[in-house]
Amino acid sequence: MVVKRYFNGVVVFLFIVFASGCETRDERTLRVYNEKESVVRSHVLGVIEDAGACERDTDCVRIIPGCPLGCGAAINKDHFPLVVKQLERYFSEYPRCLYKCKIPDSVSCTLKKCTVQH
């Protein structure tokens, strides 16, 4: 009797665990897609951030990555080809979105970091 009650409890527990974790193929595909996009987006934003070291204002150029990667950023011109390649790779796999924002007017080297001015 105790074994049967224990067995029934285990069956109910397993049903709850598996039923709550069930997702359709489309839901799983979307979840995996979103998780991957988030990782890739973070990587690209990190590349942009790392490309911002400078010594003088003339080292810096303005880029406009686009939604969802931002309205504008400043990077070292020596890293421009690498950043463009990362942006092209990202947008070849993930769609752009739309939002309004002010495009930076200029760039400068501030505290050894390329920055944008609005």
PDB file of N, CA and C in Angstrom:
ATOM      1  N   MET A   1       0.820  -1.189   0.000  1.00  0.00           N
ATOM      2  CA  MET A   1       0.000   0.000   0.000  1.00  0.00           C
ATOM      3  C   MET A   1       0.869   1.259   0.000  1.00  0.00           C
ATOM      4  N   VAL A   2       1.912   1.291   0.814  1.00  0.00           N
ATOM      5  CA  VAL A   2       2.811   2.434   0.882  1.00  0.00           C
ATOM      6  C   VAL A   2       3.541   2.600  -0.439  1.00  0.00           C
ATOM      7  N   VAL A   3       3.942   1.485  -1.045  1.00  0.00           N
ATOM      8  CA  VAL A   3       4.648   1.528  -2.327  1.00  0.00           C
ATOM      9  C   VAL A   3       3.735   2.106  -3.409  1.00  0.00           C
ATOM     10  N   LYS A   4       2.469   1.688  -3.433  1.00  0.00           N
ATOM     11  CA  LYS A   4       1.534   2.177  -4.431  1.00  0.00           C
ATOM     12  C   LYS A   4       1.309   3.678  -4.258  1.00  0.00           C
ATOM     13  N   ARG A   5       1.152   4.139  -3.028  1.00  0.00           N
ATOM     14  CA  ARG A   5       0.956   5.560  -2.767  1.00  0.00           C
ATOM     15  C   ARG A   5       2.207   6.345  -3.193  1.00  0.00           C
ATOM     16  N   TYR A   6       3.386   5.831  -2.874  1.00  0.00           N
ATOM     17  CA  TYR A   6       4.648   6.452  -3.274  1.00  0.00           C
ATOM     18  C   TYR A   6       4.730   6.517  -4.794  1.00  0.00           C
ATOM     19  N   PHE A   7       4.407   5.406  -5.465  1.00  0.00           N
ATOM     20  CA  PHE A   7       4.447   5.349  -6.928  1.00  0.00           C
ATOM     21  C   PHE A   7       3.500   6.378  -7.534  1.00  0.00           C
ATOM     22  N   ASN A   8       2.278   6.480  -7.023  1.00  0.00           N
ATOM     23  CA  ASN A   8       1.318   7.465  -7.522  1.00  0.00           C
ATOM     24  C   ASN A   8       1.838   8.891  -7.325  1.00  0.00           C
ATOM     25  N   GLY A   9       2.463   9.140  -6.201  1.00  0.00           N
ATOM     26  CA  GLY A   9       3.030  10.469  -5.946  1.00  0.00           C
ATOM     27  C   GLY A   9       4.132  10.811  -6.936  1.00  0.00           C
ATOM     28  N   VAL A  10       4.958   9.831  -7.245  1.00  0.00           N
ATOM     29  CA  VAL A  10       6.038  10.036  -8.214  1.00  0.00           C
ATOM     30  C   VAL A  10       5.460  10.304  -9.594  1.00  0.00           C
ATOM     31  N   VAL A  11       4.447   9.562  -9.983  1.00  0.00           N
ATOM     32  CA  VAL A  11       3.820   9.750 -11.296  1.00  0.00           C
ATOM     33  C   VAL A  11       3.230  11.151 -11.400  1.00  0.00           C
ATOM     34  N   VAL A  12       2.529  11.594 -10.380  1.00  0.00           N
ATOM     35  CA  VAL A  12       1.940  12.934 -10.388  1.00  0.00           C
ATOM     36  C   VAL A  12       3.045  13.986 -10.465  1.00  0.00           C
ATOM     37  N   PHE A  13       4.087  13.831  -9.680  1.00  0.00           N
ATOM     38  CA  PHE A  13       5.202  14.773  -9.695  1.00  0.00           C
ATOM     39  C   PHE A  13       5.836  14.851 -11.083  1.00  0.00           C
ATOM     40  N   LEU A  14       6.124  13.710 -11.682  1.00  0.00           N
ATOM     41  CA  LEU A  14       6.732  13.695 -13.017  1.00  0.00           C
ATOM     42  C   LEU A  14       5.809  14.322 -14.053  1.00  0.00           C
ATOM     43  N   PHE A  15       4.527  14.064 -13.952  1.00  0.00           N
ATOM     44  CA  PHE A  15       3.572  14.667 -14.890  1.00  0.00           C
ATOM     45  C   PHE A  15       3.606  16.184 -14.778  1.00  0.00           C
ATOM     46  N   ILE A  16       3.606  16.709 -13.555  1.00  0.00           N
ATOM     47  CA  ILE A  16       3.637  18.159 -13.360  1.00  0.00           C
ATOM     48  C   ILE A  16       4.930  18.746 -13.917  1.00  0.00           C
ATOM     49  N   VAL A  17       6.050  18.107 -13.637  1.00  0.00           N
ATOM     50  CA  VAL A  17       7.342  18.604 -14.120  1.00  0.00           C
ATOM     51  C   VAL A  17       7.373  18.629 -15.637  1.00  0.00           C
ATOM     52  N   PHE A  18       7.003  17.536 -16.262  1.00  0.00           N
ATOM     53  CA  PHE A  18       7.076  17.474 -17.719  1.00  0.00           C
ATOM     54  C   PHE A  18       5.989  18.309 -18.390  1.00  0.00           C
ATOM     55  N   ALA A  19       4.809  18.355 -17.838  1.00  0.00           N
ATOM     56  CA  ALA A  19       3.728  19.142 -18.433  1.00  0.00           C
ATOM     57  C   ALA A  19       4.034  20.625 -18.362  1.00  0.00           C
ATOM     58  N   SER A  20       4.639  21.084 -17.283  1.00  0.00           N
ATOM     59  CA  SER A  20       4.939  22.509 -17.161  1.00  0.00           C
ATOM     60  C   SER A  20       6.103  22.917 -18.049  1.00  0.00           C
ATOM     61  N   GLY A  21       6.941  21.964 -18.436  1.00  0.00           N
ATOM     62  CA  GLY A  21       8.087  22.276 -19.270  1.00  0.00           C
ATOM     63  C   GLY A  21       7.856  22.031 -20.739  1.00  0.00           C
ATOM     64  N   CYS A  22       6.660  21.634 -21.098  1.00  0.00           N
ATOM     65  CA  CYS A  22       6.385  21.336 -22.500  1.00  0.00           C
ATOM     66  C   CYS A  22       6.268  22.620 -23.290  1.00  0.00           C
ATOM     67  N   GLU A  23       6.814  22.591 -24.483  1.00  0.00           N
ATOM     68  CA  GLU A  23       6.657  23.705 -25.390  1.00  0.00           C
ATOM     69  C   GLU A  23       6.567  23.154 -26.801  1.00  0.00           C
ATOM     70  N   THR A  24       5.870  23.864 -27.638  1.00  0.00           N
ATOM     71  CA  THR A  24       5.729  23.410 -29.011  1.00  0.00           C
ATOM     72  C   THR A  24       7.046  23.602 -29.745  1.00  0.00           C
ATOM     73  N   ARG A  25       7.143  23.009 -30.899  1.00  0.00           N
ATOM     74  CA  ARG A  25       8.355  23.155 -31.706  1.00  0.00           C
ATOM     75  C   ARG A  25       8.566  24.628 -32.068  1.00  0.00           C
ATOM     76  N   ASP A  26       7.477  25.323 -32.419  1.00  0.00           N
ATOM     77  CA  ASP A  26       7.581  26.738 -32.766  1.00  0.00           C
ATOM     78  C   ASP A  26       8.031  27.576 -31.571  1.00  0.00           C
ATOM     79  N   GLU A  27       7.502  27.278 -30.385  1.00  0.00           N
ATOM     80  CA  GLU A  27       7.901  28.011 -29.189  1.00  0.00           C
ATOM     81  C   GLU A  27       9.377  27.774 -28.880  1.00  0.00           C
ATOM     82  N   ARG A  28       9.810  26.532 -29.014  1.00  0.00           N
ATOM     83  CA  ARG A  28      11.215  26.207 -28.763  1.00  0.00           C
ATOM     84  C   ARG A  28      12.110  26.886 -29.784  1.00  0.00           C
ATOM     85  N   THR A  29      11.711  26.862 -31.050  1.00  0.00           N
ATOM     86  CA  THR A  29      12.495  27.503 -32.103  1.00  0.00           C
ATOM     87  C   THR A  29      12.630  28.993 -31.833  1.00  0.00           C
ATOM     88  N   LEU A  30      11.532  29.639 -31.456  1.00  0.00           N
ATOM     89  CA  LEU A  30      11.557  31.067 -31.158  1.00  0.00           C
ATOM     90  C   LEU A  30      12.424  31.354 -29.934  1.00  0.00           C
ATOM     91  N   ARG A  31      12.310  30.536 -28.908  1.00  0.00           N
ATOM     92  CA  ARG A  31      13.110  30.731 -27.696  1.00  0.00           C
ATOM     93  C   ARG A  31      14.592  30.610 -28.007  1.00  0.00           C
ATOM     94  N   VAL A  32      14.974  29.570 -28.738  1.00  0.00           N
ATOM     95  CA  VAL A  32      16.378  29.363 -29.096  1.00  0.00           C
ATOM     96  C   VAL A  32      16.875  30.518 -29.965  1.00  0.00           C
ATOM     97  N   TYR A  33      16.059  30.946 -30.925  1.00  0.00           N
ATOM     98  CA  TYR A  33      16.406  32.070 -31.792  1.00  0.00           C
ATOM     99  C   TYR A  33      16.664  33.322 -30.962  1.00  0.00           C
ATOM    100  N   ASN A  34      15.754  33.625 -30.036  1.00  0.00           N
ATOM    101  CA  ASN A  34      15.894  34.819 -29.194  1.00  0.00           C
ATOM    102  C   ASN A  34      17.114  34.736 -28.291  1.00  0.00           C
ATOM    103  N   GLU A  35      17.379  33.560 -27.744  1.00  0.00           N
ATOM    104  CA  GLU A  35      18.556  33.388 -26.893  1.00  0.00           C
ATOM    105  C   GLU A  35      19.834  33.581 -27.701  1.00  0.00           C
ATOM    106  N   LYS A  36      19.872  33.010 -28.883  1.00  0.00           N
ATOM    107  CA  LYS A  36      21.054  33.150 -29.741  1.00  0.00           C
ATOM    108  C   LYS A  36      21.237  34.600 -30.158  1.00  0.00           C
ATOM    109  N   GLU A  37      20.148  35.269 -30.540  1.00  0.00           N
ATOM    110  CA  GLU A  37      20.231  36.668 -30.955  1.00  0.00           C
ATOM    111  C   GLU A  37      20.767  37.528 -29.825  1.00  0.00           C
ATOM    112  N   SER A  38      20.342  37.263 -28.614  1.00  0.00           N
ATOM    113  CA  SER A  38      20.794  38.031 -27.464  1.00  0.00           C
ATOM    114  C   SER A  38      22.303  37.878 -27.256  1.00  0.00           C
ATOM    115  N   VAL A  39      22.800  36.670 -27.409  1.00  0.00           N
ATOM    116  CA  VAL A  39      24.237  36.409 -27.256  1.00  0.00           C
ATOM    117  C   VAL A  39      25.023  37.104 -28.366  1.00  0.00           C
ATOM    118  N   VAL A  40      24.545  36.978 -29.605  1.00  0.00           N
ATOM    119  CA  VAL A  40      25.238  37.593 -30.740  1.00  0.00           C
ATOM    120  C   VAL A  40      25.204  39.111 -30.613  1.00  0.00           C
ATOM    121  N   ARG A  41      24.052  39.681 -30.235  1.00  0.00           N
ATOM    122  CA  ARG A  41      23.935  41.131 -30.048  1.00  0.00           C
ATOM    123  C   ARG A  41      24.916  41.615 -28.989  1.00  0.00           C
ATOM    124  N   SER A  42      25.001  40.912 -27.880  1.00  0.00           N
ATOM    125  CA  SER A  42      25.949  41.286 -26.818  1.00  0.00           C
ATOM    126  C   SER A  42      27.384  41.246 -27.324  1.00  0.00           C
ATOM    127  N   HIS A  43      27.691  40.244 -28.137  1.00  0.00           N
ATOM    128  CA  HIS A  43      29.036  40.138 -28.699  1.00  0.00           C
ATOM    129  C   HIS A  43      29.340  41.339 -29.596  1.00  0.00           C
ATOM    130  N   VAL A  44      28.422  41.677 -30.491  1.00  0.00           N
ATOM    131  CA  VAL A  44      28.632  42.800 -31.413  1.00  0.00           C
ATOM    132  C   VAL A  44      28.772  44.105 -30.633  1.00  0.00           C
ATOM    133  N   LEU A  45      27.938  44.317 -29.642  1.00  0.00           N
ATOM    134  CA  LEU A  45      28.044  45.529 -28.824  1.00  0.00           C
ATOM    135  C   LEU A  45      29.383  45.567 -28.081  1.00  0.00           C
ATOM    136  N   GLY A  46      29.870  44.414 -27.671  1.00  0.00           N
ATOM    137  CA  GLY A  46      31.187  44.338 -27.034  1.00  0.00           C
ATOM    138  C   GLY A  46      32.305  44.695 -28.000  1.00  0.00           C
ATOM    139  N   VAL A  47      32.199  44.235 -29.242  1.00  0.00           N
ATOM    140  CA  VAL A  47      33.189  44.578 -30.263  1.00  0.00           C
ATOM    141  C   VAL A  47      33.202  46.089 -30.481  1.00  0.00           C
ATOM    142  N   ILE A  48      32.013  46.684 -30.569  1.00  0.00           N
ATOM    143  CA  ILE A  48      31.917  48.142 -30.747  1.00  0.00           C
ATOM    144  C   ILE A  48      32.550  48.853 -29.552  1.00  0.00           C
ATOM    145  N   GLU A  49      32.237  48.404 -28.364  1.00  0.00           N
ATOM    146  CA  GLU A  49      32.797  49.010 -27.152  1.00  0.00           C
ATOM    147  C   GLU A  49      34.320  48.887 -27.136  1.00  0.00           C
ATOM    148  N   ASP A  50      34.834  47.723 -27.453  1.00  0.00           N
ATOM    149  CA  ASP A  50      36.279  47.490 -27.446  1.00  0.00           C
ATOM    150  C   ASP A  50      37.008  48.267 -28.541  1.00  0.00           C
ATOM    151  N   ALA A  51      36.292  48.660 -29.589  1.00  0.00           N
ATOM    152  CA  ALA A  51      36.906  49.373 -30.719  1.00  0.00           C
ATOM    153  C   ALA A  51      37.017  50.865 -30.476  1.00  0.00           C
ATOM    154  N   GLY A  52      36.739  51.318 -29.280  1.00  0.00           N
ATOM    155  CA  GLY A  52      36.680  52.751 -29.020  1.00  0.00           C
ATOM    156  C   GLY A  52      37.924  53.392 -28.435  1.00  0.00           C
ATOM    157  N   ALA A  53      39.014  52.670 -28.290  1.00  0.00           N
ATOM    158  CA  ALA A  53      40.223  53.265 -27.712  1.00  0.00           C
ATOM    159  C   ALA A  53      40.821  54.287 -28.678  1.00  0.00           C
ATOM    160  N   CYS A  54      41.344  55.396 -28.114  1.00  0.00           N
ATOM    161  CA  CYS A  54      41.900  56.445 -28.976  1.00  0.00           C
ATOM    162  C   CYS A  54      42.975  57.227 -28.239  1.00  0.00           C
ATOM    163  N   GLU A  55      43.728  58.002 -29.021  1.00  0.00           N
ATOM    164  CA  GLU A  55      44.728  58.928 -28.484  1.00  0.00           C
ATOM    165  C   GLU A  55      44.335  60.373 -28.766  1.00  0.00           C
ATOM    166  N   ARG A  56      43.662  60.599 -29.910  1.00  0.00           N
ATOM    167  CA  ARG A  56      43.277  61.950 -30.320  1.00  0.00           C
ATOM    168  C   ARG A  56      41.958  61.905 -31.071  1.00  0.00           C
ATOM    169  N   ASP A  57      41.323  63.042 -31.224  1.00  0.00           N
ATOM    170  CA  ASP A  57      40.024  63.119 -31.893  1.00  0.00           C
ATOM    171  C   ASP A  57      40.044  62.522 -33.295  1.00  0.00           C
ATOM    172  N   THR A  58      41.128  62.699 -34.005  1.00  0.00           N
ATOM    173  CA  THR A  58      41.202  62.211 -35.386  1.00  0.00           C
ATOM    174  C   THR A  58      41.233  60.684 -35.477  1.00  0.00           C
ATOM    175  N   ASP A  59      41.427  60.009 -34.365  1.00  0.00           N
ATOM    176  CA  ASP A  59      41.378  58.533 -34.350  1.00  0.00           C
ATOM    177  C   ASP A  59      39.946  58.021 -34.469  1.00  0.00           C
ATOM    178  N   CYS A  60      38.974  58.868 -34.157  1.00  0.00           N
ATOM    179  CA  CYS A  60      37.581  58.426 -33.992  1.00  0.00           C
ATOM    180  C   CYS A  60      36.722  58.687 -35.222  1.00  0.00           C
ATOM    181  N   VAL A  61      35.822  57.754 -35.479  1.00  0.00           N
ATOM    182  CA  VAL A  61      34.812  57.914 -36.523  1.00  0.00           C
ATOM    183  C   VAL A  61      33.452  57.545 -35.938  1.00  0.00           C
ATOM    184  N   ARG A  62      32.417  58.108 -36.537  1.00  0.00           N
ATOM    185  CA  ARG A  62      31.045  57.828 -36.105  1.00  0.00           C
ATOM    186  C   ARG A  62      30.504  56.657 -36.909  1.00  0.00           C
ATOM    187  N   ILE A  63      29.804  55.777 -36.221  1.00  0.00           N
ATOM    188  CA  ILE A  63      29.072  54.703 -36.892  1.00  0.00           C
ATOM    189  C   ILE A  63      27.623  54.776 -36.435  1.00  0.00           C
ATOM    190  N   ILE A  64      26.747  54.269 -37.267  1.00  0.00           N
ATOM    191  CA  ILE A  64      25.331  54.217 -36.934  1.00  0.00           C
ATOM    192  C   ILE A  64      24.887  52.764 -37.094  1.00  0.00           C
ATOM    193  N   PRO A  65      25.044  51.977 -36.021  1.00  0.00           N
ATOM    194  CA  PRO A  65      24.741  50.549 -36.126  1.00  0.00           C
ATOM    195  C   PRO A  65      23.295  50.261 -36.531  1.00  0.00           C
ATOM    196  N   GLY A  66      22.350  50.981 -35.974  1.00  0.00           N
ATOM    197  CA  GLY A  66      20.941  50.739 -36.258  1.00  0.00           C
ATOM    198  C   GLY A  66      20.300  49.863 -35.215  1.00  0.00           C
ATOM    199  N   CYS A  67      19.011  49.946 -35.176  1.00  0.00           N
ATOM    200  CA  CYS A  67      18.201  49.206 -34.209  1.00  0.00           C
ATOM    201  C   CYS A  67      18.362  47.699 -34.427  1.00  0.00           C
ATOM    202  N   PRO A  68      18.597  46.942 -33.398  1.00  0.00           N
ATOM    203  CA  PRO A  68      18.568  47.230 -31.964  1.00  0.00           C
ATOM    204  C   PRO A  68      19.943  47.513 -31.367  1.00  0.00           C
ATOM    205  N   LEU A  69      20.915  47.890 -32.193  1.00  0.00           N
ATOM    206  CA  LEU A  69      22.279  48.052 -31.707  1.00  0.00           C
ATOM    207  C   LEU A  69      22.655  49.487 -31.369  1.00  0.00           C
ATOM    208  N   GLY A  70      21.740  50.400 -31.523  1.00  0.00           N
ATOM    209  CA  GLY A  70      21.992  51.775 -31.126  1.00  0.00           C
ATOM    210  C   GLY A  70      21.950  52.757 -32.274  1.00  0.00           C
ATOM    211  N   CYS A  71      21.746  54.011 -31.915  1.00  0.00           N
ATOM    212  CA  CYS A  71      21.620  55.087 -32.914  1.00  0.00           C
ATOM    213  C   CYS A  71      22.969  55.575 -33.396  1.00  0.00           C
ATOM    214  N   GLY A  72      23.940  55.529 -32.564  1.00  0.00           N
ATOM    215  CA  GLY A  72      25.253  56.005 -32.954  1.00  0.00           C
ATOM    216  C   GLY A  72      26.293  55.621 -31.939  1.00  0.00           C
ATOM    217  N   ALA A  73      27.496  55.446 -32.425  1.00  0.00           N
ATOM    218  CA  ALA A  73      28.613  55.109 -31.561  1.00  0.00           C
ATOM    219  C   ALA A  73      29.871  55.682 -32.197  1.00  0.00           C
ATOM    220  N   ALA A  74      30.919  55.773 -31.413  1.00  0.00           N
ATOM    221  CA  ALA A  74      32.201  56.236 -31.913  1.00  0.00           C
ATOM    222  C   ALA A  74      33.217  55.124 -31.704  1.00  0.00           C
ATOM    223  N   ILE A  75      33.973  54.866 -32.754  1.00  0.00           N
ATOM    224  CA  ILE A  75      35.002  53.828 -32.686  1.00  0.00           C
ATOM    225  C   ILE A  75      36.297  54.364 -33.281  1.00  0.00           C
ATOM    226  N   ASN A  76      37.376  53.680 -33.010  1.00  0.00           N
ATOM    227  CA  ASN A  76      38.648  54.010 -33.625  1.00  0.00           C
ATOM    228  C   ASN A  76      38.587  53.621 -35.091  1.00  0.00           C
ATOM    229  N   LYS A  77      39.023  54.523 -35.973  1.00  0.00           N
ATOM    230  CA  LYS A  77      38.928  54.279 -37.415  1.00  0.00           C
ATOM    231  C   LYS A  77      39.697  53.035 -37.845  1.00  0.00           C
ATOM    232  N   ASP A  78      40.717  52.650 -37.091  1.00  0.00           N
ATOM    233  CA  ASP A  78      41.471  51.436 -37.424  1.00  0.00           C
ATOM    234  C   ASP A  78      40.630  50.178 -37.264  1.00  0.00           C
ATOM    235  N   HIS A  79      39.601  50.246 -36.433  1.00  0.00           N
ATOM    236  CA  HIS A  79      38.734  49.089 -36.191  1.00  0.00           C
ATOM    237  C   HIS A  79      37.475  49.098 -37.051  1.00  0.00           C
ATOM    238  N   PHE A  80      37.339  50.127 -37.882  1.00  0.00           N
ATOM    239  CA  PHE A  80      36.137  50.267 -38.699  1.00  0.00           C
ATOM    240  C   PHE A  80      35.829  49.018 -39.538  1.00  0.00           C
ATOM    241  N   PRO A  81      36.809  48.442 -40.279  1.00  0.00           N
ATOM    242  CA  PRO A  81      36.492  47.247 -41.085  1.00  0.00           C
ATOM    243  C   PRO A  81      35.971  46.071 -40.249  1.00  0.00           C
ATOM    244  N   LEU A  82      36.563  45.846 -39.081  1.00  0.00           N
ATOM    245  CA  LEU A  82      36.122  44.759 -38.208  1.00  0.00           C
ATOM    246  C   LEU A  82      34.699  44.999 -37.722  1.00  0.00           C
ATOM    247  N   VAL A  83      34.400  46.214 -37.300  1.00  0.00           N
ATOM    248  CA  VAL A  83      33.067  46.533 -36.792  1.00  0.00           C
ATOM    249  C   VAL A  83      32.028  46.394 -37.902  1.00  0.00           C
ATOM    250  N   VAL A  84      32.338  46.901 -39.083  1.00  0.00           N
ATOM    251  CA  VAL A  84      31.404  46.780 -40.209  1.00  0.00           C
ATOM    252  C   VAL A  84      31.141  45.314 -40.523  1.00  0.00           C
ATOM    253  N   LYS A  85      32.169  44.495 -40.493  1.00  0.00           N
ATOM    254  CA  LYS A  85      32.005  43.058 -40.749  1.00  0.00           C
ATOM    255  C   LYS A  85      31.084  42.428 -39.707  1.00  0.00           C
ATOM    256  N   GLN A  86      31.255  42.794 -38.443  1.00  0.00           N
ATOM    257  CA  GLN A  86      30.393  42.262 -37.377  1.00  0.00           C
ATOM    258  C   GLN A  86      28.948  42.715 -37.564  1.00  0.00           C
ATOM    259  N   LEU A  87      28.763  43.983 -37.940  1.00  0.00           N
ATOM    260  CA  LEU A  87      27.409  44.497 -38.168  1.00  0.00           C
ATOM    261  C   LEU A  87      26.753  43.806 -39.361  1.00  0.00           C
ATOM    262  N   GLU A  88      27.496  43.615 -40.430  1.00  0.00           N
ATOM    263  CA  GLU A  88      26.945  42.927 -41.603  1.00  0.00           C
ATOM    264  C   GLU A  88      26.553  41.500 -41.260  1.00  0.00           C
ATOM    265  N   ARG A  89      27.386  40.832 -40.497  1.00  0.00           N
ATOM    266  CA  ARG A  89      27.089  39.455 -40.089  1.00  0.00           C
ATOM    267  C   ARG A  89      25.827  39.412 -39.225  1.00  0.00           C
ATOM    268  N   TYR A  90      25.724  40.339 -38.285  1.00  0.00           N
ATOM    269  CA  TYR A  90      24.552  40.382 -37.407  1.00  0.00           C
ATOM    270  C   TYR A  90      23.287  40.616 -38.227  1.00  0.00           C
ATOM    271  N   PHE A  91      23.283  41.652 -39.064  1.00  0.00           N
ATOM    272  CA  PHE A  91      22.071  42.008 -39.800  1.00  0.00           C
ATOM    273  C   PHE A  91      21.767  41.047 -40.953  1.00  0.00           C
ATOM    274  N   SER A  92      22.703  40.205 -41.317  1.00  0.00           N
ATOM    275  CA  SER A  92      22.391  39.180 -42.319  1.00  0.00           C
ATOM    276  C   SER A  92      21.550  38.065 -41.708  1.00  0.00           C
ATOM    277  N   GLU A  93      21.618  37.935 -40.395  1.00  0.00           N
ATOM    278  CA  GLU A  93      20.878  36.866 -39.716  1.00  0.00           C
ATOM    279  C   GLU A  93      19.675  37.370 -38.927  1.00  0.00           C
ATOM    280  N   TYR A  94      19.750  38.616 -38.444  1.00  0.00           N
ATOM    281  CA  TYR A  94      18.681  39.147 -37.600  1.00  0.00           C
ATOM    282  C   TYR A  94      18.139  40.432 -38.215  1.00  0.00           C
ATOM    283  N   PRO A  95      16.822  40.607 -38.190  1.00  0.00           N
ATOM    284  CA  PRO A  95      16.226  41.777 -38.838  1.00  0.00           C
ATOM    285  C   PRO A  95      16.459  43.065 -38.054  1.00  0.00           C
ATOM    286  N   ARG A  96      16.453  44.153 -38.791  1.00  0.00           N
ATOM    287  CA  ARG A  96      16.513  45.468 -38.153  1.00  0.00           C
ATOM    288  C   ARG A  96      15.135  45.798 -37.590  1.00  0.00           C
ATOM    289  N   CYS A  97      15.118  46.622 -36.585  1.00  0.00           N
ATOM    290  CA  CYS A  97      13.866  47.146 -36.070  1.00  0.00           C
ATOM    291  C   CYS A  97      13.878  48.651 -36.304  1.00  0.00           C
ATOM    292  N   LEU A  98      12.832  49.317 -35.944  1.00  0.00           N
ATOM    293  CA  LEU A  98      12.749  50.761 -36.158  1.00  0.00           C
ATOM    294  C   LEU A  98      12.520  51.477 -34.846  1.00  0.00           C
ATOM    295  N   TYR A  99      13.267  52.545 -34.659  1.00  0.00           N
ATOM    296  CA  TYR A  99      12.975  53.475 -33.588  1.00  0.00           C
ATOM    297  C   TYR A  99      13.578  54.819 -33.942  1.00  0.00           C
ATOM    298  N   LYS A 100      13.034  55.848 -33.363  1.00  0.00           N
ATOM    299  CA  LYS A 100      13.529  57.193 -33.625  1.00  0.00           C
ATOM    300  C   LYS A 100      14.611  57.524 -32.617  1.00  0.00           C
ATOM    301  N   CYS A 101      15.649  58.170 -33.109  1.00  0.00           N
ATOM    302  CA  CYS A 101      16.686  58.622 -32.207  1.00  0.00           C
ATOM    303  C   CYS A 101      17.488  59.720 -32.877  1.00  0.00           C
ATOM    304  N   LYS A 102      18.209  60.449 -32.085  1.00  0.00           N
ATOM    305  CA  LYS A 102      19.041  61.520 -32.603  1.00  0.00           C
ATOM    306  C   LYS A 102      20.394  60.938 -33.000  1.00  0.00           C
ATOM    307  N   ILE A 103      20.778  61.219 -34.235  1.00  0.00           N
ATOM    308  CA  ILE A 103      22.074  60.769 -34.730  1.00  0.00           C
ATOM    309  C   ILE A 103      23.147  61.684 -34.127  1.00  0.00           C
ATOM    310  N   PRO A 104      24.241  61.130 -33.645  1.00  0.00           N
ATOM    311  CA  PRO A 104      25.294  61.964 -33.064  1.00  0.00           C
ATOM    312  C   PRO A 104      25.837  62.972 -34.074  1.00  0.00           C
ATOM    313  N   ASP A 105      26.115  64.186 -33.582  1.00  0.00           N
ATOM    314  CA  ASP A 105      26.633  65.246 -34.442  1.00  0.00           C
ATOM    315  C   ASP A 105      28.113  65.071 -34.744  1.00  0.00           C
ATOM    316  N   SER A 106      28.875  64.689 -33.731  1.00  0.00           N
ATOM    317  CA  SER A 106      30.317  64.583 -33.915  1.00  0.00           C
ATOM    318  C   SER A 106      30.891  63.557 -32.933  1.00  0.00           C
ATOM    319  N   VAL A 107      32.171  63.301 -33.106  1.00  0.00           N
ATOM    320  CA  VAL A 107      32.873  62.370 -32.231  1.00  0.00           C
ATOM    321  C   VAL A 107      34.134  63.048 -31.706  1.00  0.00           C
ATOM    322  N   SER A 108      34.605  62.567 -30.581  1.00  0.00           N
ATOM    323  CA  SER A 108      35.863  63.077 -30.033  1.00  0.00           C
ATOM    324  C   SER A 108      36.509  61.981 -29.192  1.00  0.00           C
ATOM    325  N   CYS A 109      37.771  62.203 -28.884  1.00  0.00           N
ATOM    326  CA  CYS A 109      38.504  61.290 -28.006  1.00  0.00           C
ATOM    327  C   CYS A 109      38.512  61.923 -26.623  1.00  0.00           C
ATOM    328  N   THR A 110      37.798  61.302 -25.708  1.00  0.00           N
ATOM    329  CA  THR A 110      37.678  61.815 -24.351  1.00  0.00           C
ATOM    330  C   THR A 110      38.168  60.742 -23.387  1.00  0.00           C
ATOM    331  N   LEU A 111      39.215  61.088 -22.657  1.00  0.00           N
ATOM    332  CA  LEU A 111      39.805  60.140 -21.702  1.00  0.00           C
ATOM    333  C   LEU A 111      40.179  58.820 -22.382  1.00  0.00           C
ATOM    334  N   LYS A 112      40.770  58.952 -23.575  1.00  0.00           N
ATOM    335  CA  LYS A 112      41.262  57.811 -24.357  1.00  0.00           C
ATOM    336  C   LYS A 112      40.147  56.862 -24.844  1.00  0.00           C
ATOM    337  N   LYS A 113      38.949  57.426 -24.978  1.00  0.00           N
ATOM    338  CA  LYS A 113      37.801  56.659 -25.453  1.00  0.00           C
ATOM    339  C   LYS A 113      37.037  57.505 -26.461  1.00  0.00           C
ATOM    340  N   CYS A 114      36.759  56.921 -27.641  1.00  0.00           N
ATOM    341  CA  CYS A 114      35.963  57.622 -28.634  1.00  0.00           C
ATOM    342  C   CYS A 114      34.545  57.779 -28.099  1.00  0.00           C
ATOM    343  N   THR A 115      34.034  59.005 -28.179  1.00  0.00           N
ATOM    344  CA  THR A 115      32.698  59.285 -27.680  1.00  0.00           C
ATOM    345  C   THR A 115      31.925  60.106 -28.716  1.00  0.00           C
ATOM    346  N   VAL A 116      30.602  60.037 -28.629  1.00  0.00           N
ATOM    347  CA  VAL A 116      29.740  60.810 -29.531  1.00  0.00           C
ATOM    348  C   VAL A 116      29.223  62.035 -28.796  1.00  0.00           C
ATOM    349  N   GLN A 117      28.985  63.114 -29.568  1.00  0.00           N
ATOM    350  CA  GLN A 117      28.390  64.320 -29.036  1.00  0.00           C
ATOM    351  C   GLN A 117      27.099  64.570 -29.801  1.00  0.00           C
ATOM    352  N   HIS A 118      26.068  64.947 -29.071  1.00  0.00           N
ATOM    353  CA  HIS A 118      24.768  65.236 -29.686  1.00  0.00           C
ATOM    354  C   HIS A 118      24.554  66.728 -29.760  1.00  0.00           C
TER     355      HIS A 118
END
